[in-house]
């Protein structure tokens, strides 16, 4: 996705986002594939928020400042564990 200028991963959550179905271990091929598949389904992959079940979110954007401005009003400080 050439329009992605930054990627941020935080251990927080946002409501009403697409998320992985499984709590894949960090750094695994399965997690990377699941996130890439969800990102590909987003209407604007360059400005997406993808949830990593029981872990946090990964966010794409133009810059870190743009990402933070966009998510700050909606971010929950705790990851809901299911």
N, C-alpha and C. Protein backbone atom coordinates (compact mmCIF):
# COMPACT_ATOMS: atom_id res chain seq x y z
N UNK A 1 0.84 -1.17 0.00
CA UNK A 1 0.00 0.00 0.00
C UNK A 1 0.89 1.24 0.00
N UNK A 2 1.16 1.80 -1.15
CA UNK A 2 2.12 2.90 -1.27
C UNK A 2 1.70 4.19 -0.57
N UNK A 3 0.41 4.35 -0.27
CA UNK A 3 -0.04 5.56 0.41
C UNK A 3 0.17 5.53 1.92
N UNK A 4 0.59 4.39 2.46
CA UNK A 4 0.85 4.28 3.89
C UNK A 4 2.20 4.92 4.20
N UNK A 5 2.16 5.96 5.03
CA UNK A 5 3.38 6.64 5.43
C UNK A 5 3.85 6.25 6.81
N UNK A 6 2.93 5.64 7.60
CA UNK A 6 3.28 5.25 8.97
C UNK A 6 2.37 4.13 9.42
N UNK A 7 2.88 3.32 10.34
CA UNK A 7 2.10 2.26 10.97
C UNK A 7 2.36 2.35 12.47
N UNK A 8 1.28 2.32 13.25
CA UNK A 8 1.38 2.40 14.71
C UNK A 8 0.71 1.19 15.31
N UNK A 9 1.37 0.58 16.29
CA UNK A 9 0.77 -0.52 17.04
C UNK A 9 0.73 -0.09 18.50
N UNK A 10 -0.46 -0.16 19.11
CA UNK A 10 -0.61 0.18 20.52
C UNK A 10 -1.42 -0.89 21.23
N UNK A 11 -1.15 -1.03 22.52
CA UNK A 11 -1.89 -1.97 23.35
C UNK A 11 -3.07 -1.23 23.96
N UNK A 12 -4.04 -0.98 23.10
CA UNK A 12 -5.30 -0.32 23.45
C UNK A 12 -6.34 -0.87 22.48
N UNK A 13 -7.56 -0.35 22.53
CA UNK A 13 -8.61 -0.89 21.68
C UNK A 13 -9.51 0.23 21.19
N UNK A 14 -10.26 -0.05 20.15
CA UNK A 14 -11.29 0.85 19.64
C UNK A 14 -12.52 0.01 19.33
N UNK A 15 -13.68 0.57 19.58
CA UNK A 15 -14.92 -0.15 19.27
C UNK A 15 -15.20 -0.09 17.78
N UNK A 16 -15.97 -1.08 17.32
CA UNK A 16 -16.45 -1.11 15.93
C UNK A 16 -15.32 -1.15 14.90
N UNK A 17 -14.33 -2.02 15.14
CA UNK A 17 -13.24 -2.21 14.18
C UNK A 17 -13.18 -3.68 13.78
N UNK A 18 -12.60 -3.93 12.63
CA UNK A 18 -12.35 -5.31 12.20
C UNK A 18 -11.20 -5.86 13.03
N UNK A 19 -11.30 -7.13 13.41
CA UNK A 19 -10.26 -7.73 14.24
C UNK A 19 -10.04 -9.19 13.86
N UNK A 20 -8.86 -9.68 14.17
CA UNK A 20 -8.55 -11.08 13.93
C UNK A 20 -9.50 -11.95 14.77
N UNK A 21 -9.83 -13.12 14.25
CA UNK A 21 -10.71 -14.05 14.97
C UNK A 21 -9.97 -14.81 16.06
N UNK A 22 -8.66 -14.91 15.90
CA UNK A 22 -7.84 -15.73 16.79
C UNK A 22 -6.77 -14.85 17.43
N UNK A 23 -6.41 -15.17 18.65
CA UNK A 23 -5.31 -14.48 19.33
C UNK A 23 -4.00 -15.16 18.92
N UNK A 24 -3.52 -14.82 17.72
CA UNK A 24 -2.30 -15.43 17.21
C UNK A 24 -1.09 -14.92 17.99
N UNK A 25 -0.07 -15.75 18.19
CA UNK A 25 1.14 -15.27 18.85
C UNK A 25 1.81 -14.16 18.03
N UNK A 26 2.39 -13.20 18.73
CA UNK A 26 3.08 -12.09 18.07
C UNK A 26 4.23 -12.61 17.20
N UNK A 27 4.39 -11.98 16.06
CA UNK A 27 5.50 -12.31 15.18
C UNK A 27 5.30 -13.52 14.30
N UNK A 28 4.10 -14.11 14.34
CA UNK A 28 3.88 -15.33 13.55
C UNK A 28 3.36 -15.00 12.16
N UNK A 29 3.59 -15.92 11.26
CA UNK A 29 3.08 -15.80 9.90
C UNK A 29 1.56 -15.74 9.91
N UNK A 30 0.93 -16.50 10.79
CA UNK A 30 -0.53 -16.52 10.87
C UNK A 30 -1.09 -15.13 11.23
N UNK A 31 -0.46 -14.45 12.18
CA UNK A 31 -0.91 -13.12 12.56
C UNK A 31 -0.72 -12.14 11.41
N UNK A 32 0.43 -12.18 10.77
CA UNK A 32 0.71 -11.28 9.66
C UNK A 32 -0.30 -11.49 8.53
N UNK A 33 -0.60 -12.73 8.22
CA UNK A 33 -1.56 -13.04 7.15
C UNK A 33 -2.96 -12.56 7.51
N UNK A 34 -3.38 -12.79 8.75
CA UNK A 34 -4.71 -12.36 9.18
C UNK A 34 -4.84 -10.84 9.12
N UNK A 35 -3.83 -10.12 9.57
CA UNK A 35 -3.87 -8.65 9.53
C UNK A 35 -3.86 -8.16 8.08
N UNK A 36 -3.01 -8.75 7.24
CA UNK A 36 -2.95 -8.34 5.83
C UNK A 36 -4.28 -8.59 5.13
N UNK A 37 -4.94 -9.71 5.44
CA UNK A 37 -6.25 -10.00 4.83
C UNK A 37 -7.30 -8.98 5.26
N UNK A 38 -7.32 -8.63 6.56
CA UNK A 38 -8.28 -7.63 7.03
C UNK A 38 -7.98 -6.26 6.43
N UNK A 39 -6.72 -5.92 6.33
CA UNK A 39 -6.32 -4.64 5.75
C UNK A 39 -6.77 -4.54 4.29
N UNK A 40 -6.64 -5.63 3.55
CA UNK A 40 -7.03 -5.64 2.15
C UNK A 40 -8.54 -5.43 1.97
N UNK A 41 -9.32 -5.78 2.98
CA UNK A 41 -10.78 -5.61 2.91
C UNK A 41 -11.25 -4.22 3.33
N UNK A 42 -10.36 -3.42 3.88
CA UNK A 42 -10.73 -2.08 4.32
C UNK A 42 -11.00 -1.18 3.11
N UNK A 43 -11.97 -0.26 3.21
CA UNK A 43 -12.24 0.64 2.09
C UNK A 43 -11.06 1.57 1.78
N UNK A 44 -10.26 1.92 2.80
CA UNK A 44 -9.10 2.78 2.62
C UNK A 44 -7.93 2.18 3.42
N UNK A 45 -7.20 1.22 2.84
CA UNK A 45 -6.11 0.56 3.58
C UNK A 45 -5.04 1.52 4.11
N UNK A 46 -4.92 2.69 3.51
CA UNK A 46 -3.92 3.66 3.96
C UNK A 46 -4.35 4.40 5.22
N UNK A 47 -5.61 4.21 5.64
CA UNK A 47 -6.14 4.86 6.85
C UNK A 47 -7.02 3.86 7.59
N UNK A 48 -6.44 2.76 7.99
CA UNK A 48 -7.20 1.66 8.58
C UNK A 48 -6.81 1.42 10.04
N UNK A 49 -7.74 0.80 10.76
CA UNK A 49 -7.48 0.34 12.13
C UNK A 49 -7.85 -1.14 12.16
N UNK A 50 -6.89 -1.98 12.50
CA UNK A 50 -7.11 -3.43 12.57
C UNK A 50 -6.86 -3.89 14.00
N UNK A 51 -7.82 -4.63 14.55
CA UNK A 51 -7.66 -5.16 15.90
C UNK A 51 -6.96 -6.50 15.89
N UNK A 52 -6.10 -6.69 16.87
CA UNK A 52 -5.44 -7.97 17.10
C UNK A 52 -6.05 -8.53 18.37
N UNK A 53 -6.86 -9.56 18.23
CA UNK A 53 -7.65 -10.08 19.34
C UNK A 53 -6.82 -10.25 20.61
N UNK A 54 -7.37 -9.72 21.71
CA UNK A 54 -6.76 -9.80 23.04
C UNK A 54 -5.36 -9.21 23.09
N UNK A 55 -5.06 -8.26 22.22
CA UNK A 55 -3.70 -7.73 22.17
C UNK A 55 -3.65 -6.21 22.00
N UNK A 56 -4.27 -5.68 20.96
CA UNK A 56 -4.20 -4.24 20.69
C UNK A 56 -4.64 -3.94 19.28
N UNK A 57 -4.20 -2.79 18.78
CA UNK A 57 -4.57 -2.38 17.42
C UNK A 57 -3.33 -2.03 16.61
N UNK A 58 -3.46 -2.19 15.32
CA UNK A 58 -2.45 -1.73 14.37
C UNK A 58 -3.16 -0.75 13.44
N UNK A 59 -2.55 0.43 13.25
CA UNK A 59 -3.19 1.51 12.53
C UNK A 59 -2.27 2.01 11.42
N UNK A 60 -2.84 2.23 10.24
CA UNK A 60 -2.08 2.80 9.13
C UNK A 60 -2.51 4.25 8.93
N UNK A 61 -1.59 5.06 8.38
CA UNK A 61 -1.92 6.45 8.12
C UNK A 61 -0.82 7.16 7.35
N UNK A 62 -1.01 8.46 7.17
CA UNK A 62 -0.05 9.28 6.44
C UNK A 62 1.21 9.54 7.26
N UNK A 63 1.02 9.72 8.58
CA UNK A 63 2.13 9.99 9.50
C UNK A 63 1.69 9.58 10.89
N UNK A 64 2.64 9.51 11.82
CA UNK A 64 2.28 9.19 13.20
C UNK A 64 1.36 10.25 13.78
N UNK A 65 1.60 11.52 13.46
CA UNK A 65 0.74 12.59 13.97
C UNK A 65 -0.68 12.46 13.43
N UNK A 66 -0.82 12.14 12.15
CA UNK A 66 -2.16 11.96 11.56
C UNK A 66 -2.87 10.80 12.22
N UNK A 67 -2.17 9.69 12.45
CA UNK A 67 -2.77 8.53 13.10
C UNK A 67 -3.23 8.90 14.51
N UNK A 68 -2.36 9.51 15.29
CA UNK A 68 -2.70 9.86 16.67
C UNK A 68 -3.89 10.81 16.73
N UNK A 69 -3.92 11.81 15.86
CA UNK A 69 -5.05 12.74 15.83
C UNK A 69 -6.35 12.01 15.49
N UNK A 70 -6.26 11.04 14.61
CA UNK A 70 -7.46 10.32 14.15
C UNK A 70 -7.99 9.35 15.20
N UNK A 71 -7.11 8.65 15.91
CA UNK A 71 -7.58 7.61 16.84
C UNK A 71 -7.78 8.10 18.26
N UNK A 72 -7.12 9.17 18.67
CA UNK A 72 -7.14 9.60 20.07
C UNK A 72 -8.55 9.74 20.65
N UNK A 73 -9.50 10.33 19.95
CA UNK A 73 -10.84 10.46 20.55
C UNK A 73 -11.57 9.13 20.74
N UNK A 74 -11.16 8.09 20.03
CA UNK A 74 -11.90 6.82 20.05
C UNK A 74 -11.18 5.69 20.79
N UNK A 75 -9.93 5.89 21.13
CA UNK A 75 -9.16 4.78 21.69
C UNK A 75 -9.60 4.49 23.13
N UNK A 76 -9.78 3.20 23.41
CA UNK A 76 -10.05 2.72 24.75
C UNK A 76 -8.73 2.33 25.38
N UNK A 77 -8.55 2.63 26.61
CA UNK A 77 -7.24 2.40 27.26
C UNK A 77 -7.00 0.94 27.64
N UNK A 78 -8.04 0.11 27.60
CA UNK A 78 -7.87 -1.30 27.93
C UNK A 78 -8.34 -2.16 26.77
N UNK A 79 -7.63 -3.24 26.53
CA UNK A 79 -8.02 -4.21 25.51
C UNK A 79 -9.02 -5.16 26.13
N UNK A 80 -10.24 -5.27 25.57
CA UNK A 80 -11.20 -6.23 26.10
C UNK A 80 -10.73 -7.66 25.81
N UNK A 81 -10.69 -8.47 26.81
CA UNK A 81 -10.21 -9.84 26.65
C UNK A 81 -11.42 -10.76 26.49
N UNK A 82 -11.45 -11.49 25.36
CA UNK A 82 -12.56 -12.40 25.09
C UNK A 82 -12.05 -13.78 24.75
